[in-house]
C-alpha atoms as a PDB file:
ATOM      1  CA  UNK A   1      93.765 157.348 103.994  1.00  0.00           C
ATOM      2  CA  UNK A   2      95.809 154.465 103.199  1.00  0.00           C
ATOM      3  CA  UNK A   3      99.242 155.531 102.139  1.00  0.00           C
ATOM      4  CA  UNK A   4     101.287 153.788  99.166  1.00  0.00           C
ATOM      5  CA  UNK A   5     102.090 149.996 100.437  1.00  0.00           C
ATOM      6  CA  UNK A   6     103.679 147.361  98.656  1.00  0.00           C
ATOM      7  CA  UNK A   7     101.624 144.223  98.888  1.00  0.00           C
ATOM      8  CA  UNK A   8     103.727 141.854  96.320  1.00  0.00           C
ATOM      9  CA  UNK A   9     100.548 140.354  94.687  1.00  0.00           C
ATOM     10  CA  UNK A  10     101.226 141.314  90.892  1.00  0.00           C
ATOM     11  CA  UNK A  11     102.091 138.542  88.633  1.00  0.00           C
ATOM     12  CA  UNK A  12     105.493 137.987  87.145  1.00  0.00           C
ATOM     13  CA  UNK A  13     104.201 140.437  84.362  1.00  0.00           C
ATOM     14  CA  UNK A  14     103.127 143.060  86.867  1.00  0.00           C
ATOM     15  CA  UNK A  15      99.301 142.537  86.239  1.00  0.00           C
ATOM     16  CA  UNK A  16      96.883 142.773  89.102  1.00  0.00           C
ATOM     17  CA  UNK A  17      95.966 139.252  90.475  1.00  0.00           C
ATOM     18  CA  UNK A  18      92.554 138.168  92.285  1.00  0.00           C
ATOM     19  CA  UNK A  19      94.932 138.460  95.412  1.00  0.00           C
ATOM     20  CA  UNK A  20      95.306 141.967  94.503  1.00  0.00           C
ATOM     21  CA  UNK A  21      91.766 142.457  94.034  1.00  0.00           C
ATOM     22  CA  UNK A  22      90.541 141.047  97.065  1.00  0.00           C
ATOM     23  CA  UNK A  23      93.333 143.271  99.191  1.00  0.00           C
ATOM     24  CA  UNK A  24      92.004 146.617  97.733  1.00  0.00           C
ATOM     25  CA  UNK A  25      88.149 145.690  97.912  1.00  0.00           C
ATOM     26  CA  UNK A  26      88.648 144.671 101.876  1.00  0.00           C
ATOM     27  CA  UNK A  27      90.114 148.400 102.508  1.00  0.00           C
ATOM     28  CA  UNK A  28      87.341 149.925 100.683  1.00  0.00           C
ATOM     29  CA  UNK A  29      84.703 148.157 102.298  1.00  0.00           C
ATOM     30  CA  UNK A  30      86.378 148.742 105.527  1.00  0.00           C
ATOM     31  CA  UNK A  31      85.666 152.726 104.964  1.00  0.00           C
ATOM     32  CA  UNK A  32      89.072 154.107 104.016  1.00  0.00           C
ATOM     33  CA  UNK A  33      88.340 157.050 101.962  1.00  0.00           C
ATOM     34  CA  UNK A  34      91.691 157.346  99.659  1.00  0.00           C
ATOM     35  CA  UNK A  35      93.572 154.252  98.918  1.00  0.00           C
ATOM     36  CA  UNK A  36      97.029 154.497  97.186  1.00  0.00           C
ATOM     37  CA  UNK A  37      98.482 151.360  95.661  1.00  0.00           C
ATOM     38  CA  UNK A  38     101.735 150.150  96.084  1.00  0.00           C
ATOM     39  CA  UNK A  39     104.431 151.417  93.698  1.00  0.00           C
ATOM     40  CA  UNK A  40     104.265 150.568  89.921  1.00  0.00           C
ATOM     41  CA  UNK A  41     106.771 150.354  87.090  1.00  0.00           C
ATOM     42  CA  UNK A  42     105.683 152.094  83.770  1.00  0.00           C
ATOM     43  CA  UNK A  43     108.107 150.660  81.609  1.00  0.00           C
ATOM     44  CA  UNK A  44     109.425 147.031  81.680  1.00  0.00           C
ATOM     45  CA  UNK A  45     113.120 148.195  82.460  1.00  0.00           C
ATOM     46  CA  UNK A  46     111.452 149.897  85.542  1.00  0.00           C
ATOM     47  CA  UNK A  47     110.419 146.703  87.336  1.00  0.00           C
ATOM     48  CA  UNK A  48     112.230 146.820  90.636  1.00  0.00           C
ATOM     49  CA  UNK A  49     110.699 143.345  92.163  1.00  0.00           C
ATOM     50  CA  UNK A  50     108.842 140.645  91.479  1.00  0.00           C
ATOM     51  CA  UNK A  51     105.152 141.095  92.698  1.00  0.00           C
ATOM     52  CA  UNK A  52     105.352 144.820  91.604  1.00  0.00           C
ATOM     53  CA  UNK A  53     102.463 146.419  89.691  1.00  0.00           C
ATOM     54  CA  UNK A  54     102.929 147.244  86.120  1.00  0.00           C
ATOM     55  CA  UNK A  55     100.880 150.121  84.247  1.00  0.00           C
ATOM     56  CA  UNK A  56     103.131 149.573  80.923  1.00  0.00           C
ATOM     57  CA  UNK A  57     100.310 148.668  78.319  1.00  0.00           C
ATOM     58  CA  UNK A  58      96.889 148.249  77.790  1.00  0.00           C
ATOM     59  CA  UNK A  59      97.034 144.766  78.891  1.00  0.00           C
ATOM     60  CA  UNK A  60      97.182 145.871  82.515  1.00  0.00           C
ATOM     61  CA  UNK A  61      93.832 147.967  82.098  1.00  0.00           C
ATOM     62  CA  UNK A  62      91.364 144.857  83.104  1.00  0.00           C
ATOM     63  CA  UNK A  63      93.372 144.251  86.397  1.00  0.00           C
ATOM     64  CA  UNK A  64      93.195 147.763  87.291  1.00  0.00           C
ATOM     65  CA  UNK A  65      89.431 148.115  86.443  1.00  0.00           C
ATOM     66  CA  UNK A  66      88.726 145.164  88.567  1.00  0.00           C
ATOM     67  CA  UNK A  67      90.814 147.132  91.647  1.00  0.00           C
ATOM     68  CA  UNK A  68      89.144 150.471  91.199  1.00  0.00           C
ATOM     69  CA  UNK A  69      85.580 148.893  90.685  1.00  0.00           C
ATOM     70  CA  UNK A  70      83.142 150.128  93.487  1.00  0.00           C
ATOM     71  CA  UNK A  71      81.694 147.476  95.253  1.00  0.00           C
ATOM     72  CA  UNK A  72      77.806 148.335  96.182  1.00  0.00           C
ATOM     73  CA  UNK A  73      78.849 147.692 100.053  1.00  0.00           C
ATOM     74  CA  UNK A  74      81.533 150.671  99.832  1.00  0.00           C
ATOM     75  CA  UNK A  75      81.008 154.189 100.757  1.00  0.00           C
ATOM     76  CA  UNK A  76      82.583 156.761  98.420  1.00  0.00           C
ATOM     77  CA  UNK A  77      86.056 156.069  97.787  1.00  0.00           C
ATOM     78  CA  UNK A  78      89.005 157.274  95.768  1.00  0.00           C
ATOM     79  CA  UNK A  79      91.898 155.214  94.550  1.00  0.00           C
ATOM     80  CA  UNK A  80      95.269 156.530  93.208  1.00  0.00           C
ATOM     81  CA  UNK A  81      98.426 154.746  92.100  1.00  0.00           C
ATOM     82  CA  UNK A  82     101.949 155.380  93.254  1.00  0.00           C
ATOM     83  CA  UNK A  83     104.380 154.968  90.138  1.00  0.00           C
ATOM     84  CA  UNK A  84     107.922 155.546  90.294  1.00  0.00           C
ATOM     85  CA  UNK A  85     111.107 154.473  88.283  1.00  0.00           C
ATOM     86  CA  UNK A  86     113.794 152.361  89.377  1.00  0.00           C
ATOM     87  CA  UNK A  87     116.903 154.544  90.653  1.00  0.00           C
ATOM     88  CA  UNK A  88     119.393 154.151  87.582  1.00  0.00           C
ATOM     89  CA  UNK A  89     116.553 154.966  84.999  1.00  0.00           C
ATOM     90  CA  UNK A  90     114.864 158.002  86.918  1.00  0.00           C
ATOM     91  CA  UNK A  91     117.337 160.680  86.002  1.00  0.00           C
ATOM     92  CA  UNK A  92     120.342 159.296  84.497  1.00  0.00           C
ATOM     93  CA  UNK A  93     122.083 162.961  83.736  1.00  0.00           C
ATOM     94  CA  UNK A  94     122.160 163.654  87.113  1.00  0.00           C
END
């Protein structure tokens, strides 16, 4: 298992880049059975850092499809995303 690790390779909008895809392809080809991506924001106000992945609209789907696409050399694998909310937006009533 590869735990959630921030890699800072998303573009300024949070979209997956070719560098992002290369990282996850290398991990999967190396035989890791479960890959959890670095933390991602699910709404624009939740973006905490540049380079952070976004999963907040349908424009993000093609990049994520490239990340989870199975390479013929890969063994069976699972990939999961670690979604988070920035502190002040998480639970403002607490």
